[in-house]
Amino acid sequence: MPRPTATAEMQARLMLLVLCLVWGVNWPVVRIALREIPPFSMRTGSLGLGAATILLVCLAKGRDLHIPTARAWGHVIVASVFNVGAFTIVTSFAQLATTTSRVSVLVYTMPIWSVLLAWLFLGERPTRLQSAALLLCAAGLGILIYPLAVAGVPVGILLALSTAMMWAAGTVYLKWAQIDADPMGVSSWQITIAFLMIAACAFGYDHGIRLNGAHAGALAALVFAGIVGNGIAYGLWFAIVERLPAATASLGVLSVPVIGVIASVILLGELPTVSDIIGFALIFAASACVLLARPTPVEATP
């Protein structure tokens, strides 16, 4: 990739700031929608809007939507299940079971699980910095989970961690699959496929898309999550990684859970406990260590 000009790099950094704000604020916005809209219906609506938006972005930018082979289509479908389908629906149930701030932080333990999965399935041994990150993450999770586990099984925490693991699995799978296609086109198809799968679940379990009874605030949150949080955000992400190194972009996106916690305090009135703050800090440090150790794949999910 040619070295970007100073102006292009500054534009990319400003876009990265906007992207982090969008993805961070999107966490409490989704929770606002989930107050009045069932998870399958809410995610069907947001993914449908997101799929349409990113398709328009791809067409406007002249991106290639062609997937060359049936094998490549199979890889795209599997990646869609992990990176988008499971991510969106499991985080929805996690947010209903625990605070949004906890979910937003725990989901971003993905880089740590990626290190473990890459070690197991790709033979990439962790570096010393990555090994230190694993210990920091374990300490952070212990401090975060212990006070909650005393009162019973912390279902929301387990769902959030499951989401991070599935996102990591999808990321490692894409690295292994090496799909020979435009990454933005692949992401567009992933969102579209996930939309179709979750829409089928909505009709199968909820007997249709249930938006009746939702007030203007919840509907506006759904529209924001779909058009801005999914479609426009993905367009920004791929514009950024074309102008900045993937490692720089990934480190920037690490601020998303921090913004998510702050936005949850402002929009939802959630106040983290002392153990939450200490656990958040250790997990953030662990993720930063992993991203500093080596570049991460450019596939991302909010």
C-alpha atoms as a PDB file:
ATOM      1  CA  MET A   1       0.000   0.000   0.000  1.00  0.00           C
ATOM      2  CA  PRO A   2       1.481   3.380  -0.975  1.00  0.00           C
ATOM      3  CA  ARG A   3       2.353   5.690   1.878  1.00  0.00           C
ATOM      4  CA  PRO A   4      -0.542   8.114   2.463  1.00  0.00           C
ATOM      5  CA  THR A   5       0.012  11.866   2.302  1.00  0.00           C
ATOM      6  CA  ALA A   6      -0.037  13.862   5.534  1.00  0.00           C
ATOM      7  CA  THR A   7      -3.495  15.216   4.658  1.00  0.00           C
ATOM      8  CA  ALA A   8      -4.891  11.734   3.894  1.00  0.00           C
ATOM      9  CA  GLU A   9      -3.429  10.368   7.125  1.00  0.00           C
ATOM     10  CA  MET A  10      -4.959  13.210   9.146  1.00  0.00           C
ATOM     11  CA  GLN A  11      -8.326  12.595   7.477  1.00  0.00           C
ATOM     12  CA  ALA A  12      -8.040   8.892   8.332  1.00  0.00           C
ATOM     13  CA  ARG A  13      -7.280   9.680  11.975  1.00  0.00           C
ATOM     14  CA  LEU A  14     -10.297  12.006  12.154  1.00  0.00           C
ATOM     15  CA  MET A  15     -12.449   9.259  10.594  1.00  0.00           C
ATOM     16  CA  LEU A  16     -11.065   6.837  13.203  1.00  0.00           C
ATOM     17  CA  LEU A  17     -12.133   9.230  15.964  1.00  0.00           C
ATOM     18  CA  VAL A  18     -15.637   9.441  14.481  1.00  0.00           C
ATOM     19  CA  LEU A  19     -15.801   5.652  14.088  1.00  0.00           C
ATOM     20  CA  CYS A  20     -14.823   5.066  17.728  1.00  0.00           C
ATOM     21  CA  LEU A  21     -17.469   7.538  18.893  1.00  0.00           C
ATOM     22  CA  VAL A  22     -20.099   5.855  16.713  1.00  0.00           C
ATOM     23  CA  TRP A  23     -19.279   2.315  17.819  1.00  0.00           C
ATOM     24  CA  GLY A  24     -18.916   3.358  21.468  1.00  0.00           C
ATOM     25  CA  VAL A  25     -22.246   5.218  21.563  1.00  0.00           C
ATOM     26  CA  ASN A  26     -23.887   2.366  19.641  1.00  0.00           C
ATOM     27  CA  TRP A  27     -23.662   0.091  22.699  1.00  0.00           C
ATOM     28  CA  PRO A  28     -26.118   2.053  24.912  1.00  0.00           C
ATOM     29  CA  VAL A  29     -28.205   2.952  21.843  1.00  0.00           C
ATOM     30  CA  VAL A  30     -28.784  -0.760  21.192  1.00  0.00           C
ATOM     31  CA  ARG A  31     -29.788  -1.193  24.839  1.00  0.00           C
ATOM     32  CA  ILE A  32     -32.348   1.599  24.468  1.00  0.00           C
ATOM     33  CA  ALA A  33     -33.884  -0.224  21.494  1.00  0.00           C
ATOM     34  CA  LEU A  34     -33.906  -3.528  23.404  1.00  0.00           C
ATOM     35  CA  ARG A  35     -36.043  -1.998  26.164  1.00  0.00           C
ATOM     36  CA  GLU A  36     -39.078  -2.152  23.873  1.00  0.00           C
ATOM     37  CA  ILE A  37     -38.127  -4.397  20.930  1.00  0.00           C
ATOM     38  CA  PRO A  38     -37.379  -8.160  21.255  1.00  0.00           C
ATOM     39  CA  PRO A  39     -33.761  -9.102  20.399  1.00  0.00           C
ATOM     40  CA  PHE A  40     -34.489 -11.012  17.171  1.00  0.00           C
ATOM     41  CA  SER A  41     -36.782  -8.272  15.874  1.00  0.00           C
ATOM     42  CA  MET A  42     -34.392  -5.513  16.878  1.00  0.00           C
ATOM     43  CA  ARG A  43     -31.390  -7.163  15.240  1.00  0.00           C
ATOM     44  CA  THR A  44     -33.356  -8.046  12.106  1.00  0.00           C
ATOM     45  CA  GLY A  45     -34.259  -4.395  11.689  1.00  0.00           C
ATOM     46  CA  SER A  46     -30.773  -3.046  12.412  1.00  0.00           C
ATOM     47  CA  LEU A  47     -28.982  -5.620  10.243  1.00  0.00           C
ATOM     48  CA  GLY A  48     -31.422  -5.061   7.383  1.00  0.00           C
ATOM     49  CA  LEU A  49     -30.728  -1.328   7.467  1.00  0.00           C
ATOM     50  CA  GLY A  50     -27.004  -1.985   7.900  1.00  0.00           C
ATOM     51  CA  ALA A  51     -26.868  -4.409   4.953  1.00  0.00           C
ATOM     52  CA  ALA A  52     -28.666  -1.934   2.674  1.00  0.00           C
ATOM     53  CA  THR A  53     -26.408   0.937   3.783  1.00  0.00           C
ATOM     54  CA  ILE A  54     -23.090  -0.857   3.316  1.00  0.00           C
ATOM     55  CA  LEU A  55     -24.277  -2.188  -0.062  1.00  0.00           C
ATOM     56  CA  LEU A  56     -24.904   1.408  -1.150  1.00  0.00           C
ATOM     57  CA  VAL A  57     -21.471   2.398   0.206  1.00  0.00           C
ATOM     58  CA  CYS A  58     -19.839  -0.427  -1.779  1.00  0.00           C
ATOM     59  CA  LEU A  59     -21.639   0.585  -4.964  1.00  0.00           C
ATOM     60  CA  ALA A  60     -20.790   4.263  -4.455  1.00  0.00           C
ATOM     61  CA  LYS A  61     -17.102   3.447  -3.920  1.00  0.00           C
ATOM     62  CA  GLY A  62     -17.004   0.957  -6.786  1.00  0.00           C
ATOM     63  CA  ARG A  63     -16.042  -1.975  -4.540  1.00  0.00           C
ATOM     64  CA  ASP A  64     -16.095  -5.497  -5.922  1.00  0.00           C
ATOM     65  CA  LEU A  65     -18.952  -7.613  -4.515  1.00  0.00           C
ATOM     66  CA  HIS A  66     -17.991 -10.744  -6.485  1.00  0.00           C
ATOM     67  CA  ILE A  67     -17.241 -13.915  -4.502  1.00  0.00           C
ATOM     68  CA  PRO A  68     -15.295 -16.129  -6.926  1.00  0.00           C
ATOM     69  CA  THR A  69     -16.001 -19.746  -5.907  1.00  0.00           C
ATOM     70  CA  ALA A  70     -18.468 -21.933  -4.027  1.00  0.00           C
ATOM     71  CA  ARG A  71     -15.710 -22.681  -1.515  1.00  0.00           C
ATOM     72  CA  ALA A  72     -15.228 -18.965  -0.914  1.00  0.00           C
ATOM     73  CA  TRP A  73     -18.988 -18.583  -0.413  1.00  0.00           C
ATOM     74  CA  GLY A  74     -18.803 -21.325   2.225  1.00  0.00           C
ATOM     75  CA  HIS A  75     -16.060 -19.407   4.042  1.00  0.00           C
ATOM     76  CA  VAL A  76     -18.110 -16.192   3.887  1.00  0.00           C
ATOM     77  CA  ILE A  77     -21.156 -17.954   5.365  1.00  0.00           C
ATOM     78  CA  VAL A  78     -19.169 -19.480   8.247  1.00  0.00           C
ATOM     79  CA  ALA A  79     -17.506 -16.130   8.977  1.00  0.00           C
ATOM     80  CA  SER A  80     -20.915 -14.431   8.876  1.00  0.00           C
ATOM     81  CA  VAL A  81     -22.275 -16.810  11.513  1.00  0.00           C
ATOM     82  CA  PHE A  82     -19.424 -16.039  13.923  1.00  0.00           C
ATOM     83  CA  ASN A  83     -18.532 -12.416  13.152  1.00  0.00           C
ATOM     84  CA  VAL A  84     -21.987 -10.940  12.639  1.00  0.00           C
ATOM     85  CA  GLY A  85     -24.856 -13.323  13.392  1.00  0.00           C
ATOM     86  CA  ALA A  86     -23.644 -14.699  16.724  1.00  0.00           C
ATOM     87  CA  PHE A  87     -22.069 -11.370  17.675  1.00  0.00           C
ATOM     88  CA  THR A  88     -25.231  -9.329  17.242  1.00  0.00           C
ATOM     89  CA  ILE A  89     -27.757 -11.680  18.793  1.00  0.00           C
ATOM     90  CA  VAL A  90     -25.655 -12.949  21.730  1.00  0.00           C
ATOM     91  CA  THR A  91     -24.608  -9.412  22.712  1.00  0.00           C
ATOM     92  CA  SER A  92     -28.300  -8.456  22.707  1.00  0.00           C
ATOM     93  CA  PHE A  93     -29.150 -11.148  25.254  1.00  0.00           C
ATOM     94  CA  ALA A  94     -25.989 -10.275  27.221  1.00  0.00           C
ATOM     95  CA  GLN A  95     -27.115  -6.647  27.486  1.00  0.00           C
ATOM     96  CA  LEU A  96     -30.487  -7.775  28.796  1.00  0.00           C
ATOM     97  CA  ALA A  97     -28.760  -9.858  31.488  1.00  0.00           C
ATOM     98  CA  THR A  98     -26.074  -7.439  32.724  1.00  0.00           C
ATOM     99  CA  THR A  99     -24.936  -3.820  32.335  1.00  0.00           C
ATOM    100  CA  THR A 100     -24.049  -2.564  28.880  1.00  0.00           C
ATOM    101  CA  SER A 101     -20.718  -1.202  30.121  1.00  0.00           C
ATOM    102  CA  ARG A 102     -19.619  -4.689  31.198  1.00  0.00           C
ATOM    103  CA  VAL A 103     -20.675  -6.197  27.887  1.00  0.00           C
ATOM    104  CA  SER A 104     -18.865  -3.546  25.830  1.00  0.00           C
ATOM    105  CA  VAL A 105     -15.600  -4.145  27.721  1.00  0.00           C
ATOM    106  CA  LEU A 106     -15.798  -7.949  27.794  1.00  0.00           C
ATOM    107  CA  VAL A 107     -16.560  -8.214  24.072  1.00  0.00           C
ATOM    108  CA  TYR A 108     -13.305  -6.384  23.398  1.00  0.00           C
ATOM    109  CA  THR A 109     -11.318  -9.177  25.041  1.00  0.00           C
ATOM    110  CA  MET A 110     -11.492 -10.608  21.496  1.00  0.00           C
ATOM    111  CA  PRO A 111      -7.751  -9.974  20.770  1.00  0.00           C
ATOM    112  CA  ILE A 112      -6.805 -12.170  23.752  1.00  0.00           C
ATOM    113  CA  TRP A 113      -8.976 -15.081  22.583  1.00  0.00           C
ATOM    114  CA  SER A 114      -7.616 -14.599  19.056  1.00  0.00           C
ATOM    115  CA  VAL A 115      -4.105 -15.190  20.400  1.00  0.00           C
ATOM    116  CA  LEU A 116      -5.193 -18.452  22.047  1.00  0.00           C
ATOM    117  CA  LEU A 117      -7.092 -19.697  18.986  1.00  0.00           C
ATOM    118  CA  ALA A 118      -4.281 -18.732  16.614  1.00  0.00           C
ATOM    119  CA  TRP A 119      -1.891 -20.700  18.842  1.00  0.00           C
ATOM    120  CA  LEU A 120      -4.159 -23.760  18.830  1.00  0.00           C
ATOM    121  CA  PHE A 121      -5.222 -23.768  15.168  1.00  0.00           C
ATOM    122  CA  LEU A 122      -2.618 -21.737  13.251  1.00  0.00           C
ATOM    123  CA  GLY A 123       0.481 -22.670  15.251  1.00  0.00           C
ATOM    124  CA  GLU A 124       1.259 -19.026  16.140  1.00  0.00           C
ATOM    125  CA  ARG A 125       2.974 -19.175  19.525  1.00  0.00           C
ATOM    126  CA  PRO A 126       2.255 -16.213  21.841  1.00  0.00           C
ATOM    127  CA  THR A 127       5.067 -13.733  22.398  1.00  0.00           C
ATOM    128  CA  ARG A 128       6.134 -12.687  25.899  1.00  0.00           C
ATOM    129  CA  LEU A 129       4.001  -9.558  25.621  1.00  0.00           C
ATOM    130  CA  GLN A 130       1.001 -11.621  24.556  1.00  0.00           C
ATOM    131  CA  SER A 131       1.577 -14.067  27.418  1.00  0.00           C
ATOM    132  CA  ALA A 132       1.604 -11.120  29.828  1.00  0.00           C
ATOM    133  CA  ALA A 133      -1.652  -9.965  28.226  1.00  0.00           C
ATOM    134  CA  LEU A 134      -3.257 -13.328  28.938  1.00  0.00           C
ATOM    135  CA  LEU A 135      -2.325 -13.028  32.626  1.00  0.00           C
ATOM    136  CA  LEU A 136      -3.626  -9.453  32.797  1.00  0.00           C
ATOM    137  CA  CYS A 137      -6.878 -10.528  31.160  1.00  0.00           C
ATOM    138  CA  ALA A 138      -7.291 -13.443  33.579  1.00  0.00           C
ATOM    139  CA  ALA A 139      -6.724 -11.106  36.547  1.00  0.00           C
ATOM    140  CA  GLY A 140      -9.170  -8.545  35.163  1.00  0.00           C
ATOM    141  CA  LEU A 141     -11.840 -11.155  34.521  1.00  0.00           C
ATOM    142  CA  GLY A 142     -11.379 -12.593  37.999  1.00  0.00           C
ATOM    143  CA  ILE A 143     -11.817  -9.183  39.661  1.00  0.00           C
ATOM    144  CA  LEU A 144     -14.816  -8.397  37.458  1.00  0.00           C
ATOM    145  CA  ILE A 145     -16.622 -11.730  37.758  1.00  0.00           C
ATOM    146  CA  TYR A 146     -16.014 -12.730  41.411  1.00  0.00           C
ATOM    147  CA  PRO A 147     -18.405 -10.208  43.064  1.00  0.00           C
ATOM    148  CA  LEU A 148     -21.109 -11.171  40.547  1.00  0.00           C
ATOM    149  CA  ALA A 149     -20.554 -14.928  40.865  1.00  0.00           C
ATOM    150  CA  VAL A 150     -21.190 -14.765  44.615  1.00  0.00           C
ATOM    151  CA  ALA A 151     -24.857 -14.030  43.863  1.00  0.00           C
ATOM    152  CA  GLY A 152     -25.163 -16.816  41.287  1.00  0.00           C
ATOM    153  CA  VAL A 153     -24.129 -17.653  37.740  1.00  0.00           C
ATOM    154  CA  PRO A 154     -23.368 -14.338  35.950  1.00  0.00           C
ATOM    155  CA  VAL A 155     -25.244 -15.187  32.746  1.00  0.00           C
ATOM    156  CA  GLY A 156     -24.662 -11.794  31.119  1.00  0.00           C
ATOM    157  CA  ILE A 157     -20.902 -12.023  31.713  1.00  0.00           C
ATOM    158  CA  LEU A 158     -20.749 -15.530  30.241  1.00  0.00           C
ATOM    159  CA  LEU A 159     -22.715 -14.436  27.177  1.00  0.00           C
ATOM    160  CA  ALA A 160     -20.417 -11.437  26.659  1.00  0.00           C
ATOM    161  CA  LEU A 161     -17.319 -13.630  26.912  1.00  0.00           C
ATOM    162  CA  SER A 162     -18.903 -16.139  24.531  1.00  0.00           C
ATOM    163  CA  THR A 163     -19.408 -13.303  22.052  1.00  0.00           C
ATOM    164  CA  ALA A 164     -15.740 -12.317  22.297  1.00  0.00           C
ATOM    165  CA  MET A 165     -14.683 -15.920  21.712  1.00  0.00           C
ATOM    166  CA  MET A 166     -16.981 -16.307  18.696  1.00  0.00           C
ATOM    167  CA  TRP A 167     -15.733 -13.026  17.226  1.00  0.00           C
ATOM    168  CA  ALA A 168     -12.163 -14.245  17.743  1.00  0.00           C
ATOM    169  CA  ALA A 169     -13.033 -17.576  16.125  1.00  0.00           C
ATOM    170  CA  GLY A 170     -14.486 -15.773  13.109  1.00  0.00           C
ATOM    171  CA  THR A 171     -11.408 -13.552  12.819  1.00  0.00           C
ATOM    172  CA  VAL A 172      -8.987 -16.498  13.003  1.00  0.00           C
ATOM    173  CA  TYR A 173     -11.180 -18.450  10.574  1.00  0.00           C
ATOM    174  CA  LEU A 174     -11.031 -15.608   8.025  1.00  0.00           C
ATOM    175  CA  LYS A 175      -7.260 -15.474   8.392  1.00  0.00           C
ATOM    176  CA  TRP A 176      -7.055 -19.217   7.775  1.00  0.00           C
ATOM    177  CA  ALA A 177      -9.554 -19.168   4.873  1.00  0.00           C
ATOM    178  CA  GLN A 178      -7.782 -16.334   2.989  1.00  0.00           C
ATOM    179  CA  ILE A 179     -10.802 -15.445   0.845  1.00  0.00           C
ATOM    180  CA  ASP A 180      -9.649 -13.981  -2.465  1.00  0.00           C
ATOM    181  CA  ALA A 181     -12.170 -11.138  -2.623  1.00  0.00           C
ATOM    182  CA  ASP A 182     -12.590  -7.466  -1.727  1.00  0.00           C
ATOM    183  CA  PRO A 183     -12.676  -7.287   2.117  1.00  0.00           C
ATOM    184  CA  MET A 184     -15.402  -4.640   2.041  1.00  0.00           C
ATOM    185  CA  GLY A 185     -17.457  -6.776  -0.335  1.00  0.00           C
ATOM    186  CA  VAL A 186     -16.965  -9.786   1.950  1.00  0.00           C
ATOM    187  CA  SER A 187     -18.159  -7.749   4.942  1.00  0.00           C
ATOM    188  CA  SER A 188     -21.205  -6.594   2.984  1.00  0.00           C
ATOM    189  CA  TRP A 189     -22.144 -10.196   2.258  1.00  0.00           C
ATOM    190  CA  GLN A 190     -21.505 -11.201   5.882  1.00  0.00           C
ATOM    191  CA  ILE A 191     -24.007  -8.608   7.124  1.00  0.00           C
ATOM    192  CA  THR A 192     -26.546  -9.590   4.460  1.00  0.00           C
ATOM    193  CA  ILE A 193     -26.279 -13.306   5.278  1.00  0.00           C
ATOM    194  CA  ALA A 194     -26.553 -12.620   9.022  1.00  0.00           C
ATOM    195  CA  PHE A 195     -29.633 -10.476   8.358  1.00  0.00           C
ATOM    196  CA  LEU A 196     -31.317 -13.347   6.492  1.00  0.00           C
ATOM    197  CA  MET A 197     -30.452 -15.850   9.259  1.00  0.00           C
ATOM    198  CA  ILE A 198     -31.695 -13.660  12.112  1.00  0.00           C
ATOM    199  CA  ALA A 199     -34.814 -12.671  10.151  1.00  0.00           C
ATOM    200  CA  ALA A 200     -35.597 -16.390   9.804  1.00  0.00           C
ATOM    201  CA  CYS A 201     -35.148 -16.770  13.577  1.00  0.00           C
ATOM    202  CA  ALA A 202     -37.446 -13.784  14.184  1.00  0.00           C
ATOM    203  CA  PHE A 203     -40.208 -15.356  12.106  1.00  0.00           C
ATOM    204  CA  GLY A 204     -39.554 -18.805  13.599  1.00  0.00           C
ATOM    205  CA  TYR A 205     -39.454 -17.817  17.281  1.00  0.00           C
ATOM    206  CA  ASP A 206     -41.232 -14.447  17.459  1.00  0.00           C
ATOM    207  CA  HIS A 207     -43.730 -15.130  14.620  1.00  0.00           C
ATOM    208  CA  GLY A 208     -42.578 -12.052  12.735  1.00  0.00           C
ATOM    209  CA  ILE A 209     -40.896  -8.699  13.281  1.00  0.00           C
ATOM    210  CA  ARG A 210     -42.447  -7.284  16.459  1.00  0.00           C
ATOM    211  CA  LEU A 211     -42.170  -3.499  16.463  1.00  0.00           C
ATOM    212  CA  ASN A 212     -45.685  -2.774  17.692  1.00  0.00           C
ATOM    213  CA  GLY A 213     -45.616  -1.031  21.045  1.00  0.00           C
ATOM    214  CA  ALA A 214     -42.150   0.462  20.478  1.00  0.00           C
ATOM    215  CA  HIS A 215     -42.042   4.220  21.017  1.00  0.00           C
ATOM    216  CA  ALA A 216     -40.202   6.754  18.867  1.00  0.00           C
ATOM    217  CA  GLY A 217     -37.043   6.590  21.008  1.00  0.00           C
ATOM    218  CA  ALA A 218     -36.638   2.823  20.598  1.00  0.00           C
ATOM    219  CA  LEU A 219     -37.351   2.997  16.862  1.00  0.00           C
ATOM    220  CA  ALA A 220     -34.857   5.849  16.439  1.00  0.00           C
ATOM    221  CA  ALA A 221     -32.260   3.773  18.327  1.00  0.00           C
ATOM    222  CA  LEU A 222     -32.886   0.830  15.957  1.00  0.00           C
ATOM    223  CA  VAL A 223     -32.448   3.087  12.905  1.00  0.00           C
ATOM    224  CA  PHE A 224     -29.234   4.576  14.332  1.00  0.00           C
ATOM    225  CA  ALA A 225     -27.811   1.123  15.126  1.00  0.00           C
ATOM    226  CA  GLY A 226     -28.581  -0.084  11.593  1.00  0.00           C
ATOM    227  CA  ILE A 227     -27.637   2.821   9.354  1.00  0.00           C
ATOM    228  CA  VAL A 228     -24.907   4.483  11.416  1.00  0.00           C
ATOM    229  CA  GLY A 229     -23.655   1.753  13.784  1.00  0.00           C
ATOM    230  CA  ASN A 230     -23.463  -0.905  11.060  1.00  0.00           C
ATOM    231  CA  GLY A 231     -23.545   0.463   7.495  1.00  0.00           C
ATOM    232  CA  ILE A 232     -21.766   3.828   7.724  1.00  0.00           C
ATOM    233  CA  ALA A 233     -19.364   2.564  10.394  1.00  0.00           C
ATOM    234  CA  TYR A 234     -18.150  -0.292   8.181  1.00  0.00           C
ATOM    235  CA  GLY A 235     -17.669   2.139   5.306  1.00  0.00           C
ATOM    236  CA  LEU A 236     -15.537   4.312   7.590  1.00  0.00           C
ATOM    237  CA  TRP A 237     -13.554   1.313   8.834  1.00  0.00           C
ATOM    238  CA  PHE A 238     -12.441   0.205   5.393  1.00  0.00           C
ATOM    239  CA  ALA A 239     -11.651   3.771   4.334  1.00  0.00           C
ATOM    240  CA  ILE A 240      -9.445   3.983   7.437  1.00  0.00           C
ATOM    241  CA  VAL A 241      -7.528   0.727   6.913  1.00  0.00           C
ATOM    242  CA  GLU A 242      -6.749   1.791   3.339  1.00  0.00           C
ATOM    243  CA  ARG A 243      -4.980   4.890   4.678  1.00  0.00           C
ATOM    244  CA  LEU A 244      -3.530   3.740   8.010  1.00  0.00           C
ATOM    245  CA  PRO A 245      -1.632   0.598   9.055  1.00  0.00           C
ATOM    246  CA  ALA A 246      -3.990  -2.094  10.368  1.00  0.00           C
ATOM    247  CA  ALA A 247      -2.221  -2.082  13.754  1.00  0.00           C
ATOM    248  CA  THR A 248      -2.753   1.687  14.143  1.00  0.00           C
ATOM    249  CA  ALA A 249      -6.417   1.360  13.212  1.00  0.00           C
ATOM    250  CA  SER A 250      -6.909  -1.573  15.590  1.00  0.00           C
ATOM    251  CA  LEU A 251      -5.272   0.253  18.499  1.00  0.00           C
ATOM    252  CA  GLY A 252      -7.523   3.227  17.823  1.00  0.00           C
ATOM    253  CA  VAL A 253     -10.628   1.047  17.877  1.00  0.00           C
ATOM    254  CA  LEU A 254      -9.557  -0.186  21.313  1.00  0.00           C
ATOM    255  CA  SER A 255     -10.992   3.088  22.662  1.00  0.00           C
ATOM    256  CA  VAL A 256     -14.507   1.879  21.708  1.00  0.00           C
ATOM    257  CA  PRO A 257     -15.210   0.070  25.022  1.00  0.00           C
ATOM    258  CA  VAL A 258     -13.965   3.108  26.968  1.00  0.00           C
ATOM    259  CA  ILE A 259     -16.396   5.322  25.049  1.00  0.00           C
ATOM    260  CA  GLY A 260     -19.052   2.614  25.508  1.00  0.00           C
ATOM    261  CA  VAL A 261     -18.659   2.752  29.303  1.00  0.00           C
ATOM    262  CA  ILE A 262     -18.829   6.578  29.355  1.00  0.00           C
ATOM    263  CA  ALA A 263     -21.824   6.618  26.998  1.00  0.00           C
ATOM    264  CA  SER A 264     -23.583   4.010  29.169  1.00  0.00           C
ATOM    265  CA  VAL A 265     -23.142   6.248  32.207  1.00  0.00           C
ATOM    266  CA  ILE A 266     -24.565   9.255  30.320  1.00  0.00           C
ATOM    267  CA  LEU A 267     -27.386   7.589  28.356  1.00  0.00           C
ATOM    268  CA  LEU A 268     -28.362   4.711  30.660  1.00  0.00           C
ATOM    269  CA  GLY A 269     -27.301   5.974  34.080  1.00  0.00           C
ATOM    270  CA  GLU A 270     -25.097   2.896  34.688  1.00  0.00           C
ATOM    271  CA  LEU A 271     -22.456   3.502  37.364  1.00  0.00           C
ATOM    272  CA  PRO A 272     -19.532   1.006  37.343  1.00  0.00           C
ATOM    273  CA  THR A 273     -18.503  -0.442  40.704  1.00  0.00           C
ATOM    274  CA  VAL A 274     -14.927  -0.272  41.997  1.00  0.00           C
ATOM    275  CA  SER A 275     -14.325  -3.895  40.960  1.00  0.00           C
ATOM    276  CA  ASP A 276     -15.756  -3.073  37.511  1.00  0.00           C
ATOM    277  CA  ILE A 277     -13.301  -0.197  37.065  1.00  0.00           C
ATOM    278  CA  ILE A 278     -10.279  -2.256  38.182  1.00  0.00           C
ATOM    279  CA  GLY A 279     -11.333  -5.185  35.980  1.00  0.00           C
ATOM    280  CA  PHE A 280     -11.955  -2.855  33.017  1.00  0.00           C
ATOM    281  CA  ALA A 281      -8.483  -1.314  33.410  1.00  0.00           C
ATOM    282  CA  LEU A 282      -6.707  -4.700  33.490  1.00  0.00           C
ATOM    283  CA  ILE A 283      -8.674  -6.016  30.500  1.00  0.00           C
ATOM    284  CA  PHE A 284      -7.983  -2.820  28.546  1.00  0.00           C
ATOM    285  CA  ALA A 285      -4.254  -3.148  29.309  1.00  0.00           C
ATOM    286  CA  ALA A 286      -4.337  -6.802  28.213  1.00  0.00           C
ATOM    287  CA  SER A 287      -5.979  -5.980  24.871  1.00  0.00           C
ATOM    288  CA  ALA A 288      -3.510  -3.133  24.300  1.00  0.00           C
ATOM    289  CA  CYS A 289      -0.589  -5.513  24.902  1.00  0.00           C
ATOM    290  CA  VAL A 290      -1.932  -7.965  22.330  1.00  0.00           C
ATOM    291  CA  LEU A 291      -2.445  -5.286  19.707  1.00  0.00           C
ATOM    292  CA  LEU A 292       0.999  -3.810  20.346  1.00  0.00           C
ATOM    293  CA  ALA A 293       2.606  -7.227  20.014  1.00  0.00           C
ATOM    294  CA  ARG A 294       1.650  -7.768  16.362  1.00  0.00           C
ATOM    295  CA  PRO A 295      -0.765  -6.412  13.761  1.00  0.00           C
ATOM    296  CA  THR A 296      -4.301  -7.786  13.884  1.00  0.00           C
ATOM    297  CA  PRO A 297      -6.540  -8.757  10.969  1.00  0.00           C
ATOM    298  CA  VAL A 298      -8.547  -5.912   9.446  1.00  0.00           C
ATOM    299  CA  GLU A 299     -11.905  -7.632   9.983  1.00  0.00           C
ATOM    300  CA  ALA A 300     -13.731  -5.801  12.728  1.00  0.00           C
ATOM    301  CA  THR A 301     -17.158  -5.787  14.466  1.00  0.00           C
ATOM    302  CA  PRO A 302     -18.547  -3.029  16.747  1.00  0.00           C
END
